[in-house]
C-alpha atoms as a PDB file:
ATOM      1  CA  UNK A   1     -17.312  48.499 -19.305  1.00  0.00           C
ATOM      2  CA  UNK A   2     -16.935  47.662 -22.960  1.00  0.00           C
ATOM      3  CA  UNK A   3     -18.804  44.362 -23.146  1.00  0.00           C
ATOM      4  CA  UNK A   4     -17.746  40.746 -23.065  1.00  0.00           C
ATOM      5  CA  UNK A   5     -14.490  39.777 -24.734  1.00  0.00           C
ATOM      6  CA  UNK A   6     -13.552  36.242 -23.679  1.00  0.00           C
ATOM      7  CA  UNK A   7     -15.166  33.090 -22.324  1.00  0.00           C
ATOM      8  CA  UNK A   8     -12.823  30.582 -20.697  1.00  0.00           C
ATOM      9  CA  UNK A   9     -13.526  26.897 -20.170  1.00  0.00           C
ATOM     10  CA  UNK A  10     -11.258  24.905 -17.833  1.00  0.00           C
ATOM     11  CA  UNK A  11     -10.576  21.374 -19.056  1.00  0.00           C
ATOM     12  CA  UNK A  12      -8.731  18.327 -17.765  1.00  0.00           C
ATOM     13  CA  UNK A  13      -7.214  17.361 -21.135  1.00  0.00           C
ATOM     14  CA  UNK A  14      -6.167  20.211 -23.403  1.00  0.00           C
ATOM     15  CA  UNK A  15      -5.525  18.078 -26.479  1.00  0.00           C
ATOM     16  CA  UNK A  16      -8.888  16.306 -26.346  1.00  0.00           C
ATOM     17  CA  UNK A  17     -10.647  19.583 -25.524  1.00  0.00           C
ATOM     18  CA  UNK A  18      -8.983  21.366 -28.448  1.00  0.00           C
ATOM     19  CA  UNK A  19     -10.287  18.674 -30.789  1.00  0.00           C
ATOM     20  CA  UNK A  20     -13.744  18.627 -29.210  1.00  0.00           C
ATOM     21  CA  UNK A  21     -14.177  22.405 -29.283  1.00  0.00           C
ATOM     22  CA  UNK A  22     -12.933  22.511 -32.884  1.00  0.00           C
ATOM     23  CA  UNK A  23     -15.793  20.172 -33.818  1.00  0.00           C
ATOM     24  CA  UNK A  24     -18.348  21.803 -31.539  1.00  0.00           C
ATOM     25  CA  UNK A  25     -17.699  25.349 -32.775  1.00  0.00           C
ATOM     26  CA  UNK A  26     -16.618  24.392 -36.302  1.00  0.00           C
ATOM     27  CA  UNK A  27     -13.489  26.464 -35.877  1.00  0.00           C
ATOM     28  CA  UNK A  28      -9.812  25.634 -35.477  1.00  0.00           C
ATOM     29  CA  UNK A  29      -7.832  27.442 -32.787  1.00  0.00           C
ATOM     30  CA  UNK A  30      -5.703  30.415 -33.807  1.00  0.00           C
ATOM     31  CA  UNK A  31      -3.459  30.054 -30.729  1.00  0.00           C
ATOM     32  CA  UNK A  32      -2.156  26.863 -29.122  1.00  0.00           C
ATOM     33  CA  UNK A  33       0.130  26.527 -26.117  1.00  0.00           C
ATOM     34  CA  UNK A  34       0.145  24.149 -23.138  1.00  0.00           C
ATOM     35  CA  UNK A  35      -1.367  26.876 -20.943  1.00  0.00           C
ATOM     36  CA  UNK A  36      -3.995  28.254 -23.362  1.00  0.00           C
ATOM     37  CA  UNK A  37      -5.841  27.413 -26.563  1.00  0.00           C
ATOM     38  CA  UNK A  38      -7.709  30.295 -28.185  1.00  0.00           C
ATOM     39  CA  UNK A  39     -10.512  30.284 -30.736  1.00  0.00           C
ATOM     40  CA  UNK A  40     -11.908  33.298 -32.576  1.00  0.00           C
ATOM     41  CA  UNK A  41     -15.678  32.780 -32.736  1.00  0.00           C
ATOM     42  CA  UNK A  42     -17.040  35.557 -34.953  1.00  0.00           C
ATOM     43  CA  UNK A  43     -14.827  38.122 -33.204  1.00  0.00           C
ATOM     44  CA  UNK A  44     -15.343  36.744 -29.678  1.00  0.00           C
ATOM     45  CA  UNK A  45     -12.694  34.790 -27.789  1.00  0.00           C
ATOM     46  CA  UNK A  46     -13.279  31.250 -26.596  1.00  0.00           C
ATOM     47  CA  UNK A  47     -10.366  30.076 -24.497  1.00  0.00           C
ATOM     48  CA  UNK A  48      -9.385  26.749 -23.005  1.00  0.00           C
ATOM     49  CA  UNK A  49      -7.169  26.545 -19.934  1.00  0.00           C
ATOM     50  CA  UNK A  50      -5.836  23.399 -18.273  1.00  0.00           C
ATOM     51  CA  UNK A  51      -7.270  22.212 -14.991  1.00  0.00           C
ATOM     52  CA  UNK A  52      -4.526  20.632 -12.939  1.00  0.00           C
ATOM     53  CA  UNK A  53      -7.079  19.090 -10.589  1.00  0.00           C
ATOM     54  CA  UNK A  54     -10.349  18.745 -12.538  1.00  0.00           C
ATOM     55  CA  UNK A  55     -13.426  19.767 -10.598  1.00  0.00           C
ATOM     56  CA  UNK A  56     -16.633  17.818 -10.971  1.00  0.00           C
ATOM     57  CA  UNK A  57     -19.357  18.823 -10.841  1.00  0.00           C
ATOM     58  CA  UNK A  58     -18.580  22.360 -11.945  1.00  0.00           C
ATOM     59  CA  UNK A  59     -20.344  25.432 -10.645  1.00  0.00           C
ATOM     60  CA  UNK A  60     -23.423  26.509 -12.574  1.00  0.00           C
ATOM     61  CA  UNK A  61     -23.473  30.116 -11.417  1.00  0.00           C
ATOM     62  CA  UNK A  62     -22.403  31.855 -14.647  1.00  0.00           C
ATOM     63  CA  UNK A  63     -23.363  30.837 -18.183  1.00  0.00           C
ATOM     64  CA  UNK A  64     -22.072  32.390 -21.405  1.00  0.00           C
ATOM     65  CA  UNK A  65     -24.574  32.112 -24.260  1.00  0.00           C
ATOM     66  CA  UNK A  66     -23.306  31.739 -27.821  1.00  0.00           C
ATOM     67  CA  UNK A  67     -25.588  33.112 -30.533  1.00  0.00           C
ATOM     68  CA  UNK A  68     -27.059  30.640 -33.015  1.00  0.00           C
ATOM     69  CA  UNK A  69     -29.539  30.843 -35.876  1.00  0.00           C
ATOM     70  CA  UNK A  70     -31.221  27.447 -35.440  1.00  0.00           C
ATOM     71  CA  UNK A  71     -31.154  26.555 -31.783  1.00  0.00           C
ATOM     72  CA  UNK A  72     -32.678  23.072 -31.980  1.00  0.00           C
ATOM     73  CA  UNK A  73     -30.280  22.055 -34.779  1.00  0.00           C
ATOM     74  CA  UNK A  74     -27.221  23.360 -32.879  1.00  0.00           C
ATOM     75  CA  UNK A  75     -28.379  21.769 -29.631  1.00  0.00           C
ATOM     76  CA  UNK A  76     -28.841  18.408 -31.373  1.00  0.00           C
ATOM     77  CA  UNK A  77     -25.518  18.735 -33.220  1.00  0.00           C
ATOM     78  CA  UNK A  78     -23.611  19.412 -29.981  1.00  0.00           C
ATOM     79  CA  UNK A  79     -25.197  16.339 -28.415  1.00  0.00           C
ATOM     80  CA  UNK A  80     -24.059  14.286 -31.424  1.00  0.00           C
ATOM     81  CA  UNK A  81     -20.433  15.441 -31.022  1.00  0.00           C
ATOM     82  CA  UNK A  82     -20.372  14.437 -27.350  1.00  0.00           C
ATOM     83  CA  UNK A  83     -22.046  17.137 -25.259  1.00  0.00           C
ATOM     84  CA  UNK A  84     -24.493  16.129 -22.551  1.00  0.00           C
ATOM     85  CA  UNK A  85     -27.969  17.641 -22.340  1.00  0.00           C
ATOM     86  CA  UNK A  86     -28.442  20.257 -19.626  1.00  0.00           C
ATOM     87  CA  UNK A  87     -31.475  22.383 -20.551  1.00  0.00           C
ATOM     88  CA  UNK A  88     -33.314  21.831 -23.855  1.00  0.00           C
ATOM     89  CA  UNK A  89     -34.268  24.728 -26.126  1.00  0.00           C
ATOM     90  CA  UNK A  90     -36.867  26.854 -24.355  1.00  0.00           C
ATOM     91  CA  UNK A  91     -38.693  30.016 -25.337  1.00  0.00           C
ATOM     92  CA  UNK A  92     -37.955  32.703 -22.730  1.00  0.00           C
ATOM     93  CA  UNK A  93     -40.138  35.426 -24.222  1.00  0.00           C
ATOM     94  CA  UNK A  94     -41.014  36.737 -27.657  1.00  0.00           C
ATOM     95  CA  UNK A  95     -38.783  35.069 -30.231  1.00  0.00           C
ATOM     96  CA  UNK A  96     -35.855  34.465 -27.852  1.00  0.00           C
ATOM     97  CA  UNK A  97     -34.881  30.863 -27.124  1.00  0.00           C
ATOM     98  CA  UNK A  98     -32.102  29.502 -24.923  1.00  0.00           C
ATOM     99  CA  UNK A  99     -30.582  26.072 -24.292  1.00  0.00           C
ATOM    100  CA  UNK A 100     -27.555  24.667 -22.497  1.00  0.00           C
ATOM    101  CA  UNK A 101     -25.366  21.598 -22.850  1.00  0.00           C
ATOM    102  CA  UNK A 102     -22.356  20.351 -20.922  1.00  0.00           C
ATOM    103  CA  UNK A 103     -19.037  19.681 -22.599  1.00  0.00           C
ATOM    104  CA  UNK A 104     -17.202  16.416 -21.802  1.00  0.00           C
ATOM    105  CA  UNK A 105     -15.460  18.196 -18.859  1.00  0.00           C
ATOM    106  CA  UNK A 106     -18.697  19.413 -17.259  1.00  0.00           C
ATOM    107  CA  UNK A 107     -18.593  23.036 -18.450  1.00  0.00           C
ATOM    108  CA  UNK A 108     -21.919  24.564 -19.412  1.00  0.00           C
ATOM    109  CA  UNK A 109     -22.198  25.953 -22.943  1.00  0.00           C
ATOM    110  CA  UNK A 110     -25.162  28.241 -23.477  1.00  0.00           C
ATOM    111  CA  UNK A 111     -26.923  28.704 -26.804  1.00  0.00           C
ATOM    112  CA  UNK A 112     -29.220  31.611 -27.586  1.00  0.00           C
ATOM    113  CA  UNK A 113     -31.385  32.478 -30.538  1.00  0.00           C
ATOM    114  CA  UNK A 114     -32.179  36.185 -30.341  1.00  0.00           C
ATOM    115  CA  UNK A 115     -33.018  37.814 -33.687  1.00  0.00           C
ATOM    116  CA  UNK A 116     -33.183  41.237 -31.991  1.00  0.00           C
ATOM    117  CA  UNK A 117     -29.580  41.192 -30.723  1.00  0.00           C
ATOM    118  CA  UNK A 118     -27.206  43.568 -32.512  1.00  0.00           C
ATOM    119  CA  UNK A 119     -23.546  43.824 -31.485  1.00  0.00           C
ATOM    120  CA  UNK A 120     -22.443  47.430 -31.160  1.00  0.00           C
END
C-alpha cells in the first residue's frame, strides 16, 4: 500500500456539485467531464461522480478527513456555503480535533486538525 490517493463523492447533480465543491474547497477543478470532475487538493484527488439514482441517506461507514489549520473556522465556513452540520469540532486526544459536515447530496466531509501529521 502506498497511502490514500483519491476520495470520491457521488452526487445527483454534477454541475451544482462542481460549483459547490469549488466554493467549499476554494479550488477549481482541473478535469471536467460528464462522468467525472477532478480537483487537486494540495496533491490529493477529490473526485465527483454522477449518481444516476441518488441514494439518501448515504452510508456513514467510511469518512475521509481533510486536513485544516483552523477547524472551527473551516467547519463554520462550510456551513455558510451550504453544508449541513454532522459532528461539531471535537478534541479526540492531545491537540487533534475532528469534525464532519454533510454536503448538499448527503456525503460526509471530514475535517481534521492534526499538527503532528506529516505526509511522507
